[in-house]
Amino acid sequence: MTVELGVLIPTREAVMSGRPGTAPLLAMAERAEAAGFDSV
């Protein structure tokens, strides 16, 4: 059995503050994927 690690993108703060810009969230997801996380 192998351990798999994932990243939870923090979307709630952006939505709650009224700034739902997607560019920073997409960049974070791309960095996590490039770093080799199993799920984003």
PDB file of N, CA and C in Angstrom:
ATOM      1  N   MET A   1       0.852  -1.180   0.000  1.00  0.00           N
ATOM      2  CA  MET A   1       0.000   0.000   0.000  1.00  0.00           C
ATOM      3  C   MET A   1       0.896   1.241   0.000  1.00  0.00           C
ATOM      4  N   THR A   2       0.613   2.167  -0.893  1.00  0.00           N
ATOM      5  CA  THR A   2       1.394   3.399  -0.951  1.00  0.00           C
ATOM      6  C   THR A   2       0.571   4.565  -0.417  1.00  0.00           C
ATOM      7  N   VAL A   3       1.276   5.526   0.105  1.00  0.00           N
ATOM      8  CA  VAL A   3       0.633   6.740   0.615  1.00  0.00           C
ATOM      9  C   VAL A   3       0.495   7.731  -0.532  1.00  0.00           C
ATOM     10  N   GLU A   4      -0.670   8.304  -0.667  1.00  0.00           N
ATOM     11  CA  GLU A   4      -0.900   9.329  -1.679  1.00  0.00           C
ATOM     12  C   GLU A   4      -1.198  10.647  -0.983  1.00  0.00           C
ATOM     13  N   LEU A   5      -0.630  11.715  -1.515  1.00  0.00           N
ATOM     14  CA  LEU A   5      -0.824  13.043  -0.941  1.00  0.00           C
ATOM     15  C   LEU A   5      -1.523  13.953  -1.937  1.00  0.00           C
ATOM     16  N   GLY A   6      -2.374  14.803  -1.418  1.00  0.00           N
ATOM     17  CA  GLY A   6      -3.083  15.753  -2.258  1.00  0.00           C
ATOM     18  C   GLY A   6      -3.016  17.148  -1.674  1.00  0.00           C
ATOM     19  N   VAL A   7      -3.483  18.103  -2.445  1.00  0.00           N
ATOM     20  CA  VAL A   7      -3.495  19.506  -2.035  1.00  0.00           C
ATOM     21  C   VAL A   7      -4.926  20.022  -2.145  1.00  0.00           C
ATOM     22  N   LEU A   8      -5.355  20.718  -1.123  1.00  0.00           N
ATOM     23  CA  LEU A   8      -6.669  21.357  -1.143  1.00  0.00           C
ATOM     24  C   LEU A   8      -6.459  22.831  -1.488  1.00  0.00           C
ATOM     25  N   ILE A   9      -6.991  23.255  -2.609  1.00  0.00           N
ATOM     26  CA  ILE A   9      -6.858  24.641  -3.047  1.00  0.00           C
ATOM     27  C   ILE A   9      -7.815  25.498  -2.210  1.00  0.00           C
ATOM     28  N   PRO A  10      -7.312  26.563  -1.579  1.00  0.00           N
ATOM     29  CA  PRO A  10      -8.137  27.386  -0.682  1.00  0.00           C
ATOM     30  C   PRO A  10      -9.064  28.341  -1.443  1.00  0.00           C
ATOM     31  N   THR A  11     -10.214  27.837  -1.853  1.00  0.00           N
ATOM     32  CA  THR A  11     -11.144  28.653  -2.640  1.00  0.00           C
ATOM     33  C   THR A  11     -12.133  29.432  -1.781  1.00  0.00           C
ATOM     34  N   ARG A  12     -12.418  28.966  -0.587  1.00  0.00           N
ATOM     35  CA  ARG A  12     -13.457  29.594   0.244  1.00  0.00           C
ATOM     36  C   ARG A  12     -13.138  31.055   0.566  1.00  0.00           C
ATOM     37  N   GLU A  13     -11.895  31.346   0.912  1.00  0.00           N
ATOM     38  CA  GLU A  13     -11.523  32.718   1.275  1.00  0.00           C
ATOM     39  C   GLU A  13     -11.764  33.683   0.119  1.00  0.00           C
ATOM     40  N   ALA A  14     -11.388  33.282  -1.087  1.00  0.00           N
ATOM     41  CA  ALA A  14     -11.571  34.159  -2.246  1.00  0.00           C
ATOM     42  C   ALA A  14     -13.047  34.430  -2.504  1.00  0.00           C
ATOM     43  N   VAL A  15     -13.876  33.414  -2.383  1.00  0.00           N
ATOM     44  CA  VAL A  15     -15.310  33.580  -2.619  1.00  0.00           C
ATOM     45  C   VAL A  15     -15.938  34.437  -1.522  1.00  0.00           C
ATOM     46  N   MET A  16     -15.592  34.166  -0.270  1.00  0.00           N
ATOM     47  CA  MET A  16     -16.181  34.900   0.852  1.00  0.00           C
ATOM     48  C   MET A  16     -15.765  36.369   0.867  1.00  0.00           C
ATOM     49  N   SER A  17     -14.570  36.681   0.369  1.00  0.00           N
ATOM     50  CA  SER A  17     -14.109  38.067   0.373  1.00  0.00           C
ATOM     51  C   SER A  17     -14.585  38.834  -0.858  1.00  0.00           C
ATOM     52  N   GLY A  18     -15.290  38.152  -1.755  1.00  0.00           N
ATOM     53  CA  GLY A  18     -15.811  38.822  -2.937  1.00  0.00           C
ATOM     54  C   GLY A  18     -14.787  38.976  -4.047  1.00  0.00           C
ATOM     55  N   ARG A  19     -13.679  38.266  -3.939  1.00  0.00           N
ATOM     56  CA  ARG A  19     -12.636  38.324  -4.963  1.00  0.00           C
ATOM     57  C   ARG A  19     -12.419  36.941  -5.571  1.00  0.00           C
ATOM     58  N   PRO A  20     -13.362  36.437  -6.337  1.00  0.00           N
ATOM     59  CA  PRO A  20     -13.210  35.078  -6.852  1.00  0.00           C
ATOM     60  C   PRO A  20     -12.318  34.971  -8.087  1.00  0.00           C
ATOM     61  N   GLY A  21     -11.164  35.632  -8.067  1.00  0.00           N
ATOM     62  CA  GLY A  21     -10.235  35.537  -9.188  1.00  0.00           C
ATOM     63  C   GLY A  21      -9.691  34.121  -9.306  1.00  0.00           C
ATOM     64  N   THR A  22      -9.698  33.591 -10.499  1.00  0.00           N
ATOM     65  CA  THR A  22      -9.280  32.206 -10.675  1.00  0.00           C
ATOM     66  C   THR A  22      -7.809  32.041 -11.017  1.00  0.00           C
ATOM     67  N   ALA A  23      -7.159  33.072 -11.513  1.00  0.00           N
ATOM     68  CA  ALA A  23      -5.767  32.941 -11.950  1.00  0.00           C
ATOM     69  C   ALA A  23      -4.839  32.452 -10.834  1.00  0.00           C
ATOM     70  N   PRO A  24      -4.878  33.032  -9.625  1.00  0.00           N
ATOM     71  CA  PRO A  24      -3.989  32.535  -8.571  1.00  0.00           C
ATOM     72  C   PRO A  24      -4.301  31.092  -8.163  1.00  0.00           C
ATOM     73  N   LEU A  25      -5.573  30.733  -8.179  1.00  0.00           N
ATOM     74  CA  LEU A  25      -5.955  29.370  -7.810  1.00  0.00           C
ATOM     75  C   LEU A  25      -5.489  28.369  -8.860  1.00  0.00           C
ATOM     76  N   LEU A  26      -5.628  28.727 -10.116  1.00  0.00           N
ATOM     77  CA  LEU A  26      -5.155  27.850 -11.186  1.00  0.00           C
ATOM     78  C   LEU A  26      -3.641  27.702 -11.143  1.00  0.00           C
ATOM     79  N   ALA A  27      -2.939  28.797 -10.852  1.00  0.00           N
ATOM     80  CA  ALA A  27      -1.478  28.736 -10.751  1.00  0.00           C
ATOM     81  C   ALA A  27      -1.058  27.811  -9.612  1.00  0.00           C
ATOM     82  N   MET A  28      -1.772  27.892  -8.492  1.00  0.00           N
ATOM     83  CA  MET A  28      -1.460  27.019  -7.358  1.00  0.00           C
ATOM     84  C   MET A  28      -1.692  25.555  -7.731  1.00  0.00           C
ATOM     85  N   ALA A  29      -2.771  25.279  -8.435  1.00  0.00           N
ATOM     86  CA  ALA A  29      -3.067  23.911  -8.862  1.00  0.00           C
ATOM     87  C   ALA A  29      -2.006  23.395  -9.825  1.00  0.00           C
ATOM     88  N   GLU A  30      -1.559  24.242 -10.734  1.00  0.00           N
ATOM     89  CA  GLU A  30      -0.518  23.840 -11.681  1.00  0.00           C
ATOM     90  C   GLU A  30       0.799  23.551 -10.967  1.00  0.00           C
ATOM     91  N   ARG A  31       1.140  24.372  -9.964  1.00  0.00           N
ATOM     92  CA  ARG A  31       2.372  24.130  -9.196  1.00  0.00           C
ATOM     93  C   ARG A  31       2.285  22.822  -8.417  1.00  0.00           C
ATOM     94  N   ALA A  32       1.121  22.557  -7.840  1.00  0.00           N
ATOM     95  CA  ALA A  32       0.938  21.309  -7.091  1.00  0.00           C
ATOM     96  C   ALA A  32       1.059  20.100  -8.015  1.00  0.00           C
ATOM     97  N   GLU A  33       0.474  20.201  -9.187  1.00  0.00           N
ATOM     98  CA  GLU A  33       0.565  19.106 -10.150  1.00  0.00           C
ATOM     99  C   GLU A  33       2.006  18.889 -10.591  1.00  0.00           C
ATOM    100  N   ALA A  34       2.717  19.979 -10.864  1.00  0.00           N
ATOM    101  CA  ALA A  34       4.113  19.878 -11.285  1.00  0.00           C
ATOM    102  C   ALA A  34       4.998  19.309 -10.178  1.00  0.00           C
ATOM    103  N   ALA A  35       4.609  19.551  -8.925  1.00  0.00           N
ATOM    104  CA  ALA A  35       5.384  19.044  -7.787  1.00  0.00           C
ATOM    105  C   ALA A  35       5.151  17.556  -7.558  1.00  0.00           C
ATOM    106  N   GLY A  36       4.154  16.992  -8.236  1.00  0.00           N
ATOM    107  CA  GLY A  36       3.932  15.557  -8.152  1.00  0.00           C
ATOM    108  C   GLY A  36       2.875  15.096  -7.166  1.00  0.00           C
ATOM    109  N   PHE A  37       2.036  16.000  -6.686  1.00  0.00           N
ATOM    110  CA  PHE A  37       0.961  15.577  -5.789  1.00  0.00           C
ATOM    111  C   PHE A  37       0.015  14.631  -6.532  1.00  0.00           C
ATOM    112  N   ASP A  38      -0.576  13.698  -5.801  1.00  0.00           N
ATOM    113  CA  ASP A  38      -1.454  12.701  -6.406  1.00  0.00           C
ATOM    114  C   ASP A  38      -2.828  13.253  -6.757  1.00  0.00           C
ATOM    115  N   SER A  39      -3.280  14.250  -6.027  1.00  0.00           N
ATOM    116  CA  SER A  39      -4.584  14.850  -6.323  1.00  0.00           C
ATOM    117  C   SER A  39      -4.558  16.325  -5.958  1.00  0.00           C
ATOM    118  N   VAL A  40      -5.349  17.075  -6.689  1.00  0.00           N
ATOM    119  CA  VAL A  40      -5.447  18.520  -6.451  1.00  0.00           C
ATOM    120  C   VAL A  40      -6.911  18.850  -6.299  1.00  0.00           C
TER     121      VAL A  40
END
